[in-house]
Amino acid sequence: MLVKGDQVVMHTCIEAKNPSNYGKLWTCYTDETKVNWTNPNVVWLEGYAGAFSVEYLQKVNV
C-alpha cells in the first residue's frame, strides 16, 4: 500500500517508456485509494497530471 510521501518509479507502461519519465523518482502526494473509474487503486504524483495506477508503480526505498 502506497502512502503520501512514498517515492516510486513507473514500470511496464507506456508512460514509463517516455524518456522524461524513464527512471524518474516520483513522490506520492496522496495515499493509495480506490476510485470508481478504474479497477486498480491509484495515487496522485507530484508533478504528474492526473491519477496513476499503482499497478505500474514500484516503491523505492531511498
N, C-alpha and C. Protein backbone atom coordinates (compact mmCIF):
# COMPACT_ATOMS: atom_id res chain seq x y z
N MET A 1 0.83 -1.18 0.00
CA MET A 1 0.00 0.00 0.00
C MET A 1 0.88 1.24 0.00
N LEU A 2 0.68 2.10 -1.00
CA LEU A 2 1.45 3.34 -1.09
C LEU A 2 0.79 4.42 -0.24
N VAL A 3 1.61 5.26 0.37
CA VAL A 3 1.10 6.35 1.19
C VAL A 3 1.79 7.65 0.78
N LYS A 4 1.16 8.75 1.17
CA LYS A 4 1.70 10.08 0.88
C LYS A 4 3.15 10.15 1.33
N GLY A 5 4.00 10.66 0.43
CA GLY A 5 5.43 10.78 0.73
C GLY A 5 6.28 9.66 0.19
N ASP A 6 5.67 8.51 -0.16
CA ASP A 6 6.44 7.41 -0.75
C ASP A 6 7.04 7.86 -2.07
N GLN A 7 8.23 7.36 -2.37
CA GLN A 7 8.85 7.61 -3.67
C GLN A 7 8.72 6.35 -4.51
N VAL A 8 8.39 6.55 -5.80
CA VAL A 8 8.12 5.45 -6.70
C VAL A 8 8.73 5.71 -8.07
N VAL A 9 8.87 4.64 -8.85
CA VAL A 9 9.21 4.74 -10.26
C VAL A 9 8.12 4.01 -11.05
N MET A 10 7.91 4.47 -12.28
CA MET A 10 6.94 3.84 -13.18
C MET A 10 7.61 2.65 -13.86
N HIS A 11 6.82 1.61 -14.18
CA HIS A 11 7.36 0.45 -14.89
C HIS A 11 6.28 -0.19 -15.76
N THR A 12 6.70 -0.87 -16.79
CA THR A 12 5.86 -1.70 -17.68
C THR A 12 4.58 -1.01 -18.17
N CYS A 13 4.69 0.27 -18.47
CA CYS A 13 3.56 1.01 -19.06
C CYS A 13 4.13 2.00 -20.06
N ILE A 14 3.27 2.54 -20.91
CA ILE A 14 3.75 3.46 -21.95
C ILE A 14 4.37 4.72 -21.36
N GLU A 15 3.84 5.19 -20.24
CA GLU A 15 4.40 6.38 -19.61
C GLU A 15 5.83 6.14 -19.14
N ALA A 16 6.14 4.93 -18.69
CA ALA A 16 7.49 4.60 -18.21
C ALA A 16 8.51 4.63 -19.33
N LYS A 17 8.07 4.42 -20.57
CA LYS A 17 8.98 4.40 -21.71
C LYS A 17 9.30 5.80 -22.22
N ASN A 18 8.53 6.78 -21.79
CA ASN A 18 8.78 8.16 -22.18
C ASN A 18 10.13 8.58 -21.59
N PRO A 19 11.05 9.11 -22.41
CA PRO A 19 12.38 9.46 -21.91
C PRO A 19 12.36 10.42 -20.71
N SER A 20 11.36 11.27 -20.62
CA SER A 20 11.32 12.20 -19.48
C SER A 20 10.84 11.53 -18.20
N ASN A 21 10.26 10.33 -18.30
CA ASN A 21 9.80 9.60 -17.12
C ASN A 21 10.69 8.41 -16.77
N TYR A 22 11.50 7.95 -17.73
CA TYR A 22 12.29 6.74 -17.55
C TYR A 22 13.24 6.88 -16.36
N GLY A 23 13.06 6.05 -15.34
CA GLY A 23 13.92 6.06 -14.17
C GLY A 23 13.70 7.22 -13.23
N LYS A 24 12.70 8.05 -13.49
CA LYS A 24 12.44 9.22 -12.67
C LYS A 24 11.78 8.82 -11.35
N LEU A 25 12.24 9.43 -10.27
CA LEU A 25 11.62 9.23 -8.97
C LEU A 25 10.44 10.19 -8.84
N TRP A 26 9.30 9.64 -8.51
CA TRP A 26 8.09 10.43 -8.28
C TRP A 26 7.73 10.33 -6.81
N THR A 27 7.13 11.38 -6.27
CA THR A 27 6.67 11.37 -4.89
C THR A 27 5.16 11.35 -4.87
N CYS A 28 4.58 10.42 -4.12
CA CYS A 28 3.12 10.35 -3.98
C CYS A 28 2.66 11.52 -3.13
N TYR A 29 1.66 12.27 -3.61
CA TYR A 29 1.11 13.31 -2.76
C TYR A 29 -0.26 12.96 -2.21
N THR A 30 -0.69 11.71 -2.45
CA THR A 30 -1.88 11.17 -1.79
C THR A 30 -1.60 9.73 -1.39
N ASP A 31 -2.39 9.22 -0.48
CA ASP A 31 -2.36 7.80 -0.17
C ASP A 31 -3.03 7.03 -1.31
N GLU A 32 -2.69 5.77 -1.45
CA GLU A 32 -3.33 4.89 -2.43
C GLU A 32 -4.83 4.82 -2.12
N THR A 33 -5.64 4.92 -3.17
CA THR A 33 -7.09 4.93 -2.96
C THR A 33 -7.80 4.22 -4.10
N LYS A 34 -8.99 3.73 -3.81
CA LYS A 34 -9.85 3.08 -4.81
C LYS A 34 -10.74 4.15 -5.41
N VAL A 35 -10.87 4.13 -6.73
CA VAL A 35 -11.77 5.04 -7.44
C VAL A 35 -12.74 4.22 -8.27
N ASN A 36 -13.87 4.80 -8.60
CA ASN A 36 -14.92 4.09 -9.34
C ASN A 36 -14.57 3.84 -10.81
N TRP A 37 -13.70 4.64 -11.40
CA TRP A 37 -13.48 4.58 -12.85
C TRP A 37 -12.34 3.68 -13.27
N THR A 38 -11.70 2.97 -12.34
CA THR A 38 -10.66 2.01 -12.70
C THR A 38 -10.57 0.92 -11.64
N ASN A 39 -10.15 -0.25 -12.04
CA ASN A 39 -10.07 -1.37 -11.10
C ASN A 39 -8.89 -1.25 -10.15
N PRO A 40 -7.64 -1.09 -10.65
CA PRO A 40 -6.54 -0.99 -9.70
C PRO A 40 -6.64 0.33 -8.92
N ASN A 41 -6.11 0.33 -7.72
CA ASN A 41 -6.05 1.57 -6.95
C ASN A 41 -5.13 2.57 -7.63
N VAL A 42 -5.26 3.83 -7.24
CA VAL A 42 -4.47 4.89 -7.84
C VAL A 42 -3.86 5.77 -6.75
N VAL A 43 -2.85 6.54 -7.15
CA VAL A 43 -2.30 7.62 -6.34
C VAL A 43 -2.12 8.82 -7.26
N TRP A 44 -1.99 9.98 -6.65
CA TRP A 44 -1.62 11.17 -7.40
C TRP A 44 -0.16 11.44 -7.11
N LEU A 45 0.59 11.80 -8.16
CA LEU A 45 2.03 12.00 -8.06
C LEU A 45 2.36 13.48 -8.22
N GLU A 46 3.31 13.97 -7.43
CA GLU A 46 3.75 15.35 -7.56
C GLU A 46 4.32 15.57 -8.96
N GLY A 47 3.82 16.57 -9.66
CA GLY A 47 4.33 16.91 -10.98
C GLY A 47 3.73 16.11 -12.12
N TYR A 48 2.79 15.23 -11.83
CA TYR A 48 2.14 14.43 -12.87
C TYR A 48 0.66 14.81 -12.90
N ALA A 49 0.14 15.04 -14.09
CA ALA A 49 -1.26 15.45 -14.24
C ALA A 49 -2.17 14.24 -14.15
N GLY A 50 -2.99 14.18 -13.14
CA GLY A 50 -3.97 13.11 -13.00
C GLY A 50 -3.50 11.98 -12.11
N ALA A 51 -4.40 11.04 -11.92
CA ALA A 51 -4.12 9.87 -11.08
C ALA A 51 -3.29 8.86 -11.86
N PHE A 52 -2.58 7.99 -11.13
CA PHE A 52 -1.76 6.97 -11.77
C PHE A 52 -2.01 5.63 -11.08
N SER A 53 -2.18 4.59 -11.87
CA SER A 53 -2.46 3.25 -11.36
C SER A 53 -1.26 2.71 -10.59
N VAL A 54 -1.51 2.20 -9.38
CA VAL A 54 -0.43 1.64 -8.57
C VAL A 54 0.11 0.35 -9.17
N GLU A 55 -0.63 -0.23 -10.08
CA GLU A 55 -0.19 -1.45 -10.77
C GLU A 55 1.13 -1.23 -11.50
N TYR A 56 1.38 0.01 -11.93
CA TYR A 56 2.57 0.34 -12.72
C TYR A 56 3.59 1.18 -11.93
N LEU A 57 3.52 1.13 -10.62
CA LEU A 57 4.46 1.85 -9.78
C LEU A 57 5.20 0.90 -8.85
N GLN A 58 6.47 1.16 -8.68
CA GLN A 58 7.30 0.38 -7.75
C GLN A 58 7.84 1.33 -6.70
N LYS A 59 7.60 1.02 -5.44
CA LYS A 59 8.12 1.84 -4.36
C LYS A 59 9.64 1.71 -4.30
N VAL A 60 10.30 2.83 -4.06
CA VAL A 60 11.75 2.87 -3.97
C VAL A 60 12.13 3.30 -2.56
N ASN A 61 12.97 2.53 -1.91
CA ASN A 61 13.48 2.90 -0.59
C ASN A 61 14.79 3.64 -0.78
N VAL A 62 14.79 4.93 -0.47
CA VAL A 62 16.00 5.74 -0.66
C VAL A 62 16.66 6.04 0.66
